[in-house]
N, C-alpha and C. Protein backbone atom coordinates (compact mmCIF):
# COMPACT_ATOMS: atom_id res chain seq x y z
N MET A 1 -10.04 -2.10 -17.26
CA MET A 1 -11.38 -1.57 -17.78
C MET A 1 -11.37 -0.39 -16.90
N THR A 2 -11.33 0.98 -17.44
CA THR A 2 -11.53 2.09 -16.78
C THR A 2 -12.93 3.02 -16.97
N TRP A 3 -13.71 2.42 -17.87
CA TRP A 3 -15.04 2.99 -18.14
C TRP A 3 -16.30 2.84 -17.56
N ILE A 4 -17.15 3.63 -17.39
CA ILE A 4 -18.47 3.14 -16.69
C ILE A 4 -19.48 3.34 -17.72
N GLN A 5 -20.11 2.21 -17.84
CA GLN A 5 -21.65 2.37 -18.59
C GLN A 5 -22.56 2.98 -17.97
N THR A 6 -23.21 4.06 -19.09
CA THR A 6 -24.33 4.85 -18.35
C THR A 6 -25.65 4.35 -18.76
N ALA A 7 -26.65 5.14 -17.95
CA ALA A 7 -28.01 4.27 -18.08
C ALA A 7 -28.47 4.26 -19.69
N ASN A 8 -28.13 5.04 -20.43
CA ASN A 8 -28.40 4.91 -21.96
C ASN A 8 -27.15 4.13 -22.71
N GLY A 9 -26.27 3.59 -21.98
CA GLY A 9 -25.58 2.79 -22.79
C GLY A 9 -24.18 3.35 -23.32
N ARG A 10 -23.96 4.34 -22.80
CA ARG A 10 -22.69 5.07 -23.43
C ARG A 10 -21.76 4.65 -22.42
N ALA A 11 -20.30 4.47 -22.68
CA ALA A 11 -19.17 4.08 -22.26
C ALA A 11 -18.28 5.46 -21.72
N VAL A 12 -18.01 5.89 -20.46
CA VAL A 12 -17.26 6.91 -20.06
C VAL A 12 -16.07 6.40 -19.74
N ASP A 13 -15.09 6.91 -20.26
CA ASP A 13 -13.65 6.41 -19.51
C ASP A 13 -13.33 7.44 -18.57
N LEU A 14 -12.98 6.85 -17.49
CA LEU A 14 -12.75 7.70 -16.19
C LEU A 14 -11.13 8.48 -16.37
N VAL A 15 -10.49 7.69 -17.33
CA VAL A 15 -9.25 8.18 -17.26
C VAL A 15 -8.97 9.36 -18.34
N ALA A 16 -9.65 9.14 -19.51
CA ALA A 16 -9.81 9.99 -20.81
C ALA A 16 -11.21 9.98 -21.12
N PRO A 17 -11.99 10.95 -20.38
CA PRO A 17 -13.39 10.82 -20.79
C PRO A 17 -13.52 11.89 -22.01
N LYS A 18 -14.56 11.48 -23.17
CA LYS A 18 -14.66 12.25 -24.19
C LYS A 18 -15.87 12.78 -23.94
N PRO A 19 -15.99 13.93 -24.87
CA PRO A 19 -17.37 14.53 -24.73
C PRO A 19 -18.50 13.93 -25.64
N GLU A 20 -18.16 13.24 -26.61
CA GLU A 20 -19.25 12.60 -27.31
C GLU A 20 -19.77 11.35 -26.53
N SER A 21 -19.21 11.17 -25.40
CA SER A 21 -19.55 9.75 -24.51
C SER A 21 -20.91 10.32 -23.76
N ILE A 22 -20.99 11.71 -23.66
CA ILE A 22 -21.76 12.31 -22.55
C ILE A 22 -22.90 12.80 -22.94
N LEU A 23 -24.31 12.28 -22.15
CA LEU A 23 -25.68 12.85 -22.41
C LEU A 23 -26.08 13.49 -21.08
N ALA A 24 -26.74 14.68 -21.38
CA ALA A 24 -27.49 15.27 -20.31
C ALA A 24 -28.43 14.56 -19.69
N ILE A 25 -29.32 13.70 -20.50
CA ILE A 25 -30.30 12.50 -19.72
C ILE A 25 -29.43 11.62 -18.92
N ASP A 26 -28.37 11.08 -19.30
CA ASP A 26 -27.59 10.15 -18.35
C ASP A 26 -27.21 10.88 -17.07
N ILE A 27 -26.66 12.08 -17.12
CA ILE A 27 -26.36 12.95 -15.91
C ILE A 27 -27.34 13.01 -15.31
N ALA A 28 -28.60 13.62 -15.73
CA ALA A 28 -30.27 13.78 -14.64
C ALA A 28 -30.44 12.49 -14.08
N GLU A 29 -30.43 11.29 -14.94
CA GLU A 29 -30.73 10.05 -14.35
C GLU A 29 -29.85 9.55 -13.19
N HIS A 30 -28.60 9.53 -13.52
CA HIS A 30 -27.96 8.98 -12.38
C HIS A 30 -27.72 9.85 -11.27
N LEU A 31 -27.75 11.16 -11.36
CA LEU A 31 -27.90 11.99 -10.17
C LEU A 31 -29.14 11.89 -9.37
N ALA A 32 -30.36 11.80 -10.05
CA ALA A 32 -31.65 11.66 -9.58
C ALA A 32 -31.63 10.27 -8.82
N LYS A 33 -30.79 9.12 -9.14
CA LYS A 33 -30.46 8.01 -8.27
C LYS A 33 -29.67 8.18 -7.33
N LEU A 34 -28.92 9.22 -7.08
CA LEU A 34 -27.82 9.25 -6.29
C LEU A 34 -27.97 9.87 -4.98
N PRO A 35 -27.93 9.46 -3.96
CA PRO A 35 -28.14 10.11 -2.45
C PRO A 35 -27.19 10.95 -2.02
N ARG A 36 -27.91 12.07 -1.59
CA ARG A 36 -26.70 12.90 -0.76
C ARG A 36 -26.50 12.11 0.51
N TYR A 37 -25.21 12.32 1.11
CA TYR A 37 -24.73 12.19 2.54
C TYR A 37 -25.01 10.74 2.53
N ASN A 38 -24.69 9.99 1.59
CA ASN A 38 -24.53 8.64 1.62
C ASN A 38 -25.77 7.85 2.19
N GLY A 39 -26.97 8.66 1.83
CA GLY A 39 -28.38 8.07 2.21
C GLY A 39 -28.74 8.26 3.48
N ALA A 40 -28.08 9.19 4.43
CA ALA A 40 -28.32 9.32 5.80
C ALA A 40 -29.24 10.39 6.13
N THR A 41 -30.34 10.02 5.37
CA THR A 41 -31.65 11.12 5.40
C THR A 41 -32.75 10.27 6.06
N PRO A 42 -32.92 9.95 7.22
CA PRO A 42 -34.09 9.13 7.81
C PRO A 42 -35.63 9.58 7.15
N GLY A 43 -36.10 8.54 6.28
CA GLY A 43 -37.38 8.43 5.84
C GLY A 43 -37.38 9.59 4.63
N ALA A 44 -36.52 9.58 3.89
CA ALA A 44 -36.57 10.41 2.47
C ALA A 44 -35.12 10.30 1.83
N VAL A 45 -35.29 10.48 0.50
CA VAL A 45 -34.41 9.89 -0.16
C VAL A 45 -33.97 11.43 -1.09
N TYR A 46 -32.78 11.90 -0.77
CA TYR A 46 -32.55 13.35 -1.37
C TYR A 46 -31.36 13.15 -2.12
N SER A 47 -31.53 13.42 -3.51
CA SER A 47 -30.62 13.10 -4.28
C SER A 47 -29.68 14.38 -4.89
N VAL A 48 -28.63 14.11 -5.27
CA VAL A 48 -27.82 15.06 -5.98
C VAL A 48 -28.37 15.97 -7.18
N ALA A 49 -29.34 15.30 -7.57
CA ALA A 49 -30.01 15.69 -8.80
C ALA A 49 -30.99 17.21 -8.22
N GLN A 50 -31.52 16.82 -7.09
CA GLN A 50 -32.53 17.75 -6.45
C GLN A 50 -31.66 18.92 -5.72
N HIS A 51 -30.59 18.59 -4.97
CA HIS A 51 -29.57 19.55 -4.72
C HIS A 51 -29.35 20.36 -5.56
N SER A 52 -28.81 19.75 -7.01
CA SER A 52 -28.18 20.62 -8.00
C SER A 52 -29.22 21.56 -8.39
N CYS A 53 -30.47 21.19 -8.55
CA CYS A 53 -31.84 22.05 -9.15
C CYS A 53 -31.40 23.18 -8.36
N TYR A 54 -31.59 23.06 -6.80
CA TYR A 54 -31.87 24.13 -5.80
C TYR A 54 -30.62 25.12 -6.17
N ALA A 55 -29.59 24.60 -6.31
CA ALA A 55 -28.39 25.32 -6.34
C ALA A 55 -28.52 26.32 -7.48
N ALA A 56 -28.87 25.83 -8.75
CA ALA A 56 -29.03 26.44 -9.96
C ALA A 56 -30.15 27.68 -9.79
N ASP A 57 -31.10 27.33 -9.29
CA ASP A 57 -32.37 28.20 -8.90
C ASP A 57 -32.09 29.17 -8.00
N ILE A 58 -30.97 28.99 -6.90
CA ILE A 58 -30.90 30.23 -5.94
C ILE A 58 -29.84 31.11 -6.60
N VAL A 59 -29.02 30.55 -7.50
CA VAL A 59 -27.80 31.53 -8.23
C VAL A 59 -28.56 32.21 -9.23
N PHE A 60 -29.44 31.71 -9.91
CA PHE A 60 -30.28 32.53 -11.02
C PHE A 60 -31.23 33.61 -10.51
N ALA A 61 -31.83 33.07 -9.10
CA ALA A 61 -32.62 34.39 -8.56
C ALA A 61 -31.76 35.37 -7.92
N ARG A 62 -30.60 35.16 -7.66
CA ARG A 62 -29.55 36.08 -6.96
C ARG A 62 -28.99 37.05 -8.11
N THR A 63 -28.66 36.38 -9.30
CA THR A 63 -27.53 36.83 -10.59
C THR A 63 -28.36 37.20 -11.67
N GLN A 64 -29.54 36.52 -11.92
CA GLN A 64 -30.07 36.53 -13.28
C GLN A 64 -29.22 36.23 -14.40
N ASP A 65 -28.44 35.34 -14.08
CA ASP A 65 -27.22 35.16 -15.25
C ASP A 65 -27.31 33.48 -15.28
N ARG A 66 -27.90 33.14 -16.61
CA ARG A 66 -27.97 31.70 -16.90
C ARG A 66 -26.69 30.97 -16.84
N LEU A 67 -25.76 31.71 -17.52
CA LEU A 67 -24.23 30.74 -17.36
C LEU A 67 -24.04 30.44 -15.95
N PHE A 68 -24.02 31.44 -15.11
CA PHE A 68 -23.80 31.35 -13.74
C PHE A 68 -24.68 30.17 -12.94
N ALA A 69 -25.93 30.10 -13.38
CA ALA A 69 -26.63 29.24 -12.64
C ALA A 69 -26.46 27.84 -13.59
N ALA A 70 -25.90 27.72 -14.71
CA ALA A 70 -25.55 26.37 -15.49
C ALA A 70 -24.20 25.96 -14.62
N ASP A 71 -23.31 26.96 -14.24
CA ASP A 71 -22.18 26.22 -13.44
C ASP A 71 -22.80 25.53 -11.98
N ALA A 72 -23.76 26.25 -11.59
CA ALA A 72 -24.37 25.82 -10.25
C ALA A 72 -24.93 24.40 -10.58
N LEU A 73 -25.79 24.27 -11.56
CA LEU A 73 -26.49 23.03 -12.05
C LEU A 73 -25.37 21.82 -12.24
N LEU A 74 -24.27 22.19 -12.72
CA LEU A 74 -23.40 21.27 -13.12
C LEU A 74 -22.42 21.02 -12.15
N HIS A 75 -22.28 21.76 -10.84
CA HIS A 75 -21.27 21.64 -9.94
C HIS A 75 -21.29 20.20 -9.66
N ASP A 76 -21.97 19.67 -9.57
CA ASP A 76 -21.45 18.13 -8.95
C ASP A 76 -21.93 16.99 -9.99
N ALA A 77 -21.77 17.40 -11.44
CA ALA A 77 -22.21 16.55 -12.66
C ALA A 77 -21.38 15.48 -12.73
N HIS A 78 -20.01 15.89 -12.41
CA HIS A 78 -19.16 14.34 -12.54
C HIS A 78 -19.52 13.40 -11.68
N GLU A 79 -20.25 13.53 -10.60
CA GLU A 79 -20.71 12.83 -9.78
C GLU A 79 -21.46 11.58 -10.35
N TYR A 80 -21.92 11.85 -11.73
CA TYR A 80 -22.87 10.78 -12.30
C TYR A 80 -22.04 9.57 -12.57
N VAL A 81 -20.70 9.87 -12.87
CA VAL A 81 -19.84 8.57 -13.07
C VAL A 81 -18.65 8.34 -12.18
N ILE A 82 -18.72 9.03 -11.41
CA ILE A 82 -17.41 9.09 -10.50
C ILE A 82 -17.99 8.62 -8.72
N GLY A 83 -19.47 9.31 -8.85
CA GLY A 83 -20.11 8.77 -7.43
C GLY A 83 -19.88 9.97 -6.61
N ASP A 84 -20.39 10.09 -5.49
CA ASP A 84 -20.95 10.96 -4.39
C ASP A 84 -20.21 10.57 -2.92
N ASP A 85 -18.78 10.71 -3.08
CA ASP A 85 -17.89 10.15 -1.89
C ASP A 85 -18.31 11.04 -0.81
N PRO A 86 -18.54 10.76 0.42
CA PRO A 86 -18.83 11.57 1.30
C PRO A 86 -17.65 12.20 1.60
N SER A 87 -17.39 13.61 1.96
CA SER A 87 -15.98 14.33 2.42
C SER A 87 -15.28 13.57 3.49
N PRO A 88 -15.89 13.03 4.44
CA PRO A 88 -15.19 12.11 5.61
C PRO A 88 -14.38 11.03 4.92
N LYS A 89 -14.96 10.35 4.04
CA LYS A 89 -14.51 9.21 3.15
C LYS A 89 -13.17 9.63 2.48
N LYS A 90 -13.22 10.78 1.64
CA LYS A 90 -12.27 11.34 0.71
C LYS A 90 -11.12 11.89 1.98
N ARG A 91 -11.41 12.35 2.93
CA ARG A 91 -10.34 12.76 3.89
C ARG A 91 -9.81 11.48 4.74
N ALA A 92 -10.55 10.57 4.75
CA ALA A 92 -9.99 9.30 5.45
C ALA A 92 -9.19 8.88 4.62
N LEU A 93 -9.26 8.54 3.33
CA LEU A 93 -8.39 7.85 2.37
C LEU A 93 -7.17 8.69 2.30
N ILE A 94 -7.13 9.91 2.36
CA ILE A 94 -6.07 10.66 2.13
C ILE A 94 -5.10 10.43 3.65
N GLU A 95 -5.66 10.35 4.73
CA GLU A 95 -5.06 10.44 6.03
C GLU A 95 -4.63 8.91 6.16
N LEU A 96 -5.26 7.97 5.60
CA LEU A 96 -4.65 6.46 5.69
C LEU A 96 -3.43 6.41 4.64
N GLY A 97 -3.56 7.17 3.46
CA GLY A 97 -2.48 7.22 2.66
C GLY A 97 -1.10 7.79 3.31
N ARG A 98 -1.44 8.58 4.21
CA ARG A 98 -0.46 9.42 4.94
C ARG A 98 0.26 8.52 5.99
N GLU A 99 -0.74 7.86 6.76
CA GLU A 99 -0.42 7.20 7.87
C GLU A 99 0.60 5.69 7.37
N LEU A 100 0.04 5.50 6.13
CA LEU A 100 0.62 4.06 5.73
C LEU A 100 1.90 4.36 4.72
N TYR A 101 2.15 5.36 3.86
CA TYR A 101 3.02 5.71 2.99
C TYR A 101 3.76 7.20 3.08
N GLY A 102 3.15 7.92 4.07
CA GLY A 102 4.00 9.10 4.08
C GLY A 102 3.21 10.27 3.49
N ASP A 103 3.48 11.69 3.74
CA ASP A 103 2.96 12.70 3.17
C ASP A 103 3.03 13.04 1.66
N ALA A 104 3.90 12.48 1.14
CA ALA A 104 4.14 12.77 -0.39
C ALA A 104 3.26 11.80 -1.24
N PHE A 105 2.78 10.45 -0.67
CA PHE A 105 1.77 9.64 -1.03
C PHE A 105 0.32 10.59 -0.92
N ALA A 106 0.19 10.86 0.22
CA ALA A 106 -1.00 11.48 0.56
C ALA A 106 -1.37 12.55 -0.50
N GLU A 107 -0.47 13.41 -0.84
CA GLU A 107 -0.66 14.46 -1.68
C GLU A 107 -0.92 14.00 -2.81
N GLN A 108 -0.01 12.92 -3.37
CA GLN A 108 -0.36 12.55 -4.77
C GLN A 108 -1.83 11.76 -4.93
N MET A 109 -2.21 11.38 -3.85
CA MET A 109 -3.88 10.71 -3.76
C MET A 109 -4.59 11.87 -4.06
N LYS A 110 -4.34 12.84 -3.34
CA LYS A 110 -5.20 14.08 -3.58
C LYS A 110 -5.40 14.63 -5.11
N THR A 111 -4.09 14.74 -5.38
CA THR A 111 -4.08 15.16 -6.93
C THR A 111 -4.92 14.25 -7.80
N VAL A 112 -4.39 13.04 -7.67
CA VAL A 112 -5.18 11.95 -8.62
C VAL A 112 -6.73 12.40 -8.59
N MET A 113 -7.23 12.26 -7.56
CA MET A 113 -8.83 12.40 -7.21
C MET A 113 -9.24 13.74 -7.80
N GLN A 114 -8.34 14.89 -7.75
CA GLN A 114 -8.70 16.03 -8.21
C GLN A 114 -8.57 16.16 -9.90
N VAL A 115 -7.35 15.44 -10.19
CA VAL A 115 -7.48 15.28 -11.82
C VAL A 115 -8.50 14.52 -12.48
N MET A 116 -9.05 13.46 -11.66
CA MET A 116 -10.22 12.64 -12.28
C MET A 116 -11.40 13.48 -12.41
N ARG A 117 -11.61 14.14 -11.27
CA ARG A 117 -12.75 15.14 -11.39
C ARG A 117 -12.76 16.19 -12.24
N ARG A 118 -11.41 16.85 -12.32
CA ARG A 118 -11.36 18.01 -13.38
C ARG A 118 -11.47 17.14 -14.85
N ARG A 119 -10.81 16.10 -15.34
CA ARG A 119 -11.03 15.81 -16.31
C ARG A 119 -12.82 15.40 -16.98
N VAL A 120 -13.40 14.80 -16.10
CA VAL A 120 -14.69 14.45 -16.16
C VAL A 120 -15.63 16.05 -16.48
N ASP A 121 -15.36 16.87 -15.49
CA ASP A 121 -15.60 18.13 -15.64
C ASP A 121 -15.57 18.68 -16.83
N GLU A 122 -14.41 18.88 -17.21
CA GLU A 122 -14.05 19.39 -18.55
C GLU A 122 -14.81 18.80 -19.73
N ALA A 123 -14.79 17.58 -19.79
CA ALA A 123 -15.54 16.65 -20.79
C ALA A 123 -17.01 17.04 -20.64
N ILE A 124 -17.75 17.01 -19.67
CA ILE A 124 -19.01 17.54 -19.63
C ILE A 124 -19.27 18.94 -20.11
N TYR A 125 -18.60 19.89 -19.75
CA TYR A 125 -18.62 21.42 -20.30
C TYR A 125 -18.39 21.18 -21.79
N SER A 126 -17.43 20.48 -22.33
CA SER A 126 -17.01 20.52 -23.80
C SER A 126 -18.42 19.74 -24.34
N ALA A 127 -18.96 18.91 -23.83
CA ALA A 127 -19.83 18.22 -24.51
C ALA A 127 -21.13 19.13 -24.66
N PHE A 128 -21.26 20.07 -23.78
CA PHE A 128 -22.56 21.09 -24.01
C PHE A 128 -22.03 22.49 -24.57
N GLY A 129 -20.91 22.47 -25.19
CA GLY A 129 -20.22 23.77 -25.63
C GLY A 129 -19.90 24.86 -24.85
N MET A 130 -19.42 24.49 -23.50
CA MET A 130 -18.74 25.11 -22.53
C MET A 130 -17.46 25.11 -22.38
N LYS A 131 -16.93 26.09 -21.55
CA LYS A 131 -15.56 26.01 -21.34
C LYS A 131 -15.53 25.78 -19.74
N PHE A 132 -14.88 24.78 -19.28
CA PHE A 132 -14.60 24.74 -18.05
C PHE A 132 -13.81 25.67 -17.34
N ASP A 133 -14.18 26.83 -16.96
CA ASP A 133 -12.87 27.97 -16.37
C ASP A 133 -13.60 28.72 -15.56
N LEU A 134 -13.88 28.27 -14.31
CA LEU A 134 -14.46 29.18 -13.33
C LEU A 134 -13.46 30.11 -13.02
N SER A 135 -13.88 31.41 -12.96
CA SER A 135 -13.12 32.48 -12.13
C SER A 135 -13.22 32.04 -10.68
N ALA A 136 -12.12 32.44 -9.78
CA ALA A 136 -12.12 32.28 -8.33
C ALA A 136 -13.34 32.78 -7.71
N ALA A 137 -13.72 33.97 -8.02
CA ALA A 137 -14.88 34.77 -7.67
C ALA A 137 -16.35 33.70 -7.79
N ARG A 138 -16.40 33.40 -9.24
CA ARG A 138 -17.67 32.68 -9.58
C ARG A 138 -17.35 31.28 -8.81
N ALA A 139 -16.32 30.44 -8.71
CA ALA A 139 -16.30 29.12 -8.04
C ALA A 139 -16.71 29.50 -6.67
N ALA A 140 -16.21 30.38 -6.10
CA ALA A 140 -16.46 30.91 -4.51
C ALA A 140 -17.78 31.15 -4.43
N SER A 141 -18.61 31.59 -5.00
CA SER A 141 -20.12 31.96 -5.27
C SER A 141 -21.02 30.71 -5.14
N VAL A 142 -20.55 29.52 -6.32
CA VAL A 142 -21.03 28.42 -6.24
C VAL A 142 -20.85 27.66 -4.74
N HIS A 143 -19.68 27.70 -4.50
CA HIS A 143 -19.17 27.05 -3.25
C HIS A 143 -20.17 27.56 -1.94
N ARG A 144 -20.19 28.76 -2.09
CA ARG A 144 -21.23 29.33 -0.85
C ARG A 144 -22.56 28.88 -0.99
N VAL A 145 -23.12 28.68 -2.21
CA VAL A 145 -24.53 28.35 -2.20
C VAL A 145 -24.60 26.69 -1.76
N ASP A 146 -23.60 26.05 -2.21
CA ASP A 146 -23.49 24.55 -2.12
C ASP A 146 -23.35 24.49 -0.28
N VAL A 147 -22.66 25.27 0.23
CA VAL A 147 -22.36 25.20 1.82
C VAL A 147 -23.76 25.69 2.40
N GLU A 148 -24.18 26.59 1.93
CA GLU A 148 -25.79 27.14 2.39
C GLU A 148 -26.74 25.85 2.31
N LEU A 149 -26.78 25.36 1.34
CA LEU A 149 -27.52 24.03 1.02
C LEU A 149 -27.24 23.06 2.12
N LEU A 150 -25.92 22.81 2.22
CA LEU A 150 -25.93 21.66 3.25
C LEU A 150 -26.25 22.16 4.37
N GLU A 151 -25.92 23.11 4.90
CA GLU A 151 -26.51 23.65 6.22
C GLU A 151 -28.22 23.59 6.43
N THR A 152 -28.77 23.87 5.13
CA THR A 152 -30.18 23.59 5.16
C THR A 152 -30.70 22.18 5.16
N GLU A 153 -29.97 21.46 4.46
CA GLU A 153 -30.39 19.97 4.22
C GLU A 153 -30.10 19.34 5.48
N LYS A 154 -29.09 19.67 6.17
CA LYS A 154 -28.60 18.91 7.44
C LYS A 154 -29.91 19.42 8.57
N ARG A 155 -30.32 20.89 8.71
CA ARG A 155 -31.42 20.95 9.29
C ARG A 155 -32.71 20.30 8.91
N ASP A 156 -33.14 20.08 7.84
CA ASP A 156 -34.33 19.64 7.51
C ASP A 156 -34.39 18.15 7.19
N LEU A 157 -33.35 17.37 7.04
CA LEU A 157 -33.44 16.34 6.45
C LEU A 157 -32.65 15.13 7.56
N MET A 158 -31.70 15.61 8.24
CA MET A 158 -30.66 14.83 9.03
C MET A 158 -31.23 14.52 10.46
N ALA A 159 -30.69 13.24 11.16
CA ALA A 159 -30.83 13.35 12.53
C ALA A 159 -29.93 14.03 13.16
N PRO A 160 -30.18 14.82 14.55
CA PRO A 160 -29.26 15.51 15.30
C PRO A 160 -27.75 14.81 15.19
N GLU A 161 -26.64 15.98 15.14
CA GLU A 161 -25.40 15.46 14.97
C GLU A 161 -24.95 14.66 16.20
N PRO A 162 -24.29 13.67 15.99
CA PRO A 162 -24.03 12.64 16.93
C PRO A 162 -22.65 13.40 17.85
N GLN A 163 -21.88 14.05 16.93
CA GLN A 163 -20.84 14.86 17.34
C GLN A 163 -20.57 15.99 16.26
N PRO A 164 -20.14 17.31 16.78
CA PRO A 164 -20.17 18.30 15.94
C PRO A 164 -19.25 17.92 14.64
N TRP A 165 -20.03 18.36 13.53
CA TRP A 165 -19.36 18.48 12.25
C TRP A 165 -18.43 19.31 12.10
N PHE A 166 -17.49 19.49 10.77
CA PHE A 166 -16.74 20.52 10.65
C PHE A 166 -17.57 21.89 10.62
N GLN A 167 -17.18 23.14 11.02
CA GLN A 167 -17.87 24.25 11.04
C GLN A 167 -17.85 25.04 9.89
N THR A 168 -18.77 25.40 9.33
CA THR A 168 -18.65 26.29 8.03
C THR A 168 -18.85 27.65 8.32
N GLY A 169 -19.57 27.99 9.61
CA GLY A 169 -19.42 29.38 9.65
C GLY A 169 -20.88 30.06 8.62
N VAL A 170 -21.26 29.29 8.18
CA VAL A 170 -22.60 29.87 7.37
C VAL A 170 -23.95 29.18 7.67
N ALA A 171 -24.87 30.03 7.89
CA ALA A 171 -26.23 29.93 8.45
C ALA A 171 -27.10 29.25 7.17
N PRO A 172 -27.93 28.36 7.69
CA PRO A 172 -28.91 27.75 6.83
C PRO A 172 -29.93 28.63 5.94
N LEU A 173 -30.01 28.22 4.61
CA LEU A 173 -31.22 29.45 4.20
C LEU A 173 -32.44 29.70 4.91
N GLN A 174 -32.70 31.14 4.82
CA GLN A 174 -33.81 31.53 5.69
C GLN A 174 -35.08 31.80 4.19
N GLY A 175 -36.08 31.51 4.76
CA GLY A 175 -37.08 31.61 3.91
C GLY A 175 -37.36 30.58 2.88
N PHE A 176 -36.65 29.61 3.25
CA PHE A 176 -36.39 28.42 2.13
C PHE A 176 -37.45 27.38 2.63
N ASN A 177 -38.39 26.93 1.66
CA ASN A 177 -39.47 25.94 2.15
C ASN A 177 -38.48 24.90 2.89
N PRO A 178 -38.92 24.27 3.86
CA PRO A 178 -38.04 22.99 4.40
C PRO A 178 -38.01 21.81 3.26
N VAL A 179 -36.86 21.43 3.07
CA VAL A 179 -36.84 20.53 2.45
C VAL A 179 -37.09 19.20 2.18
N LYS A 180 -37.68 18.58 1.24
CA LYS A 180 -38.42 17.43 1.43
C LYS A 180 -37.82 16.50 0.34
N GLY A 181 -37.61 15.29 0.18
CA GLY A 181 -36.81 14.47 -0.88
C GLY A 181 -38.07 14.21 -2.18
N TRP A 182 -37.55 14.46 -3.36
CA TRP A 182 -38.28 14.11 -4.69
C TRP A 182 -38.26 12.59 -4.98
N SER A 183 -39.03 12.29 -5.53
CA SER A 183 -38.76 10.90 -6.42
C SER A 183 -37.80 11.01 -7.28
N TRP A 184 -37.20 9.99 -7.62
CA TRP A 184 -36.22 9.98 -8.75
C TRP A 184 -36.60 10.45 -10.07
N GLU A 185 -37.76 10.02 -10.31
CA GLU A 185 -38.32 10.66 -11.49
C GLU A 185 -38.51 12.23 -11.57
N LEU A 186 -39.20 12.73 -10.40
CA LEU A 186 -39.17 14.15 -10.29
C LEU A 186 -37.95 15.03 -10.34
N ALA A 187 -37.04 14.23 -9.76
CA ALA A 187 -35.67 14.80 -9.67
C ALA A 187 -35.02 14.85 -11.15
N GLN A 188 -35.31 13.90 -11.85
CA GLN A 188 -34.60 13.66 -13.29
C GLN A 188 -35.28 14.65 -14.07
N ASN A 189 -36.66 14.69 -13.90
CA ASN A 189 -37.38 15.71 -15.01
C ASN A 189 -37.14 17.14 -14.60
N SER A 190 -36.92 17.46 -13.39
CA SER A 190 -36.66 18.88 -12.57
C SER A 190 -35.30 19.01 -13.07
N PHE A 191 -34.20 18.29 -13.21
CA PHE A 191 -32.73 18.65 -13.40
C PHE A 191 -32.68 18.85 -15.16
N MET A 192 -33.59 17.99 -15.89
CA MET A 192 -33.62 18.40 -17.27
C MET A 192 -34.26 19.69 -18.02
N GLN A 193 -35.31 20.25 -16.82
CA GLN A 193 -35.86 21.26 -17.25
C GLN A 193 -34.70 22.53 -17.05
N ARG A 194 -33.95 22.45 -16.16
CA ARG A 194 -33.08 23.54 -15.58
C ARG A 194 -31.88 23.33 -16.61
N PHE A 195 -31.72 22.18 -16.96
CA PHE A 195 -30.80 22.02 -18.00
C PHE A 195 -31.15 22.83 -19.24
N ARG A 196 -32.16 22.44 -19.66
CA ARG A 196 -32.79 23.48 -20.84
C ARG A 196 -32.77 25.04 -20.62
N LYS A 197 -33.19 25.32 -19.41
CA LYS A 197 -33.36 26.77 -19.33
C LYS A 197 -31.83 27.51 -19.02
N TYR A 198 -30.87 26.88 -18.21
CA TYR A 198 -29.65 27.25 -17.87
C TYR A 198 -28.55 26.94 -18.94
N VAL A 199 -28.62 25.64 -19.30
CA VAL A 199 -27.47 25.33 -20.22
C VAL A 199 -27.69 25.73 -21.57
N GLU A 200 -29.00 24.98 -22.20
CA GLU A 200 -29.01 25.33 -23.62
C GLU A 200 -29.48 26.73 -24.04
N LEU A 201 -30.21 27.31 -23.00
CA LEU A 201 -30.60 28.63 -23.25
C LEU A 201 -29.56 29.97 -22.89
N ARG A 202 -28.48 29.36 -22.24
CA ARG A 202 -27.72 30.48 -21.73
C ARG A 202 -27.24 31.43 -22.80
């Protein structure tokens, strides 16, 4: 069995995902219940959906480009069926693969993870009449906002670092209200509002 059941009873095959199995409301609900940072935000629940709403709004404010904002809203959408594995876990899996089976195996593991994510992303975009084909410049801009938000979320939501994280060289967002976690219902509704604004009206 390689499929995931969604909140609305759809089956999404992770090996060969079909656009017709994908619903925006499923993405919104799953991401609204999926915590960033593996839940390491003391006293708050901060979801992938809330993070995605911020990313979309920032991109739109900077560019006035709905399609660009749609890319930002959906940049983590694949996580609704494959989860939000923390980056250290993904790196650890690759390093363990290298330790146990060598460099070639580690590179193959990395490729497998990338292919699964890419297939889900392509199915999501196709479901909404979009083509998953971000230019290098557009992908870099979305990534930059993602990192700016990471630094802002660390500052506002997390305990002090027990040891230094990887250095991004990016400053937290200035003039941005301190981040506070939303309820999953608010996060789901907010995601759907942005979906209608940035994806359906693009």
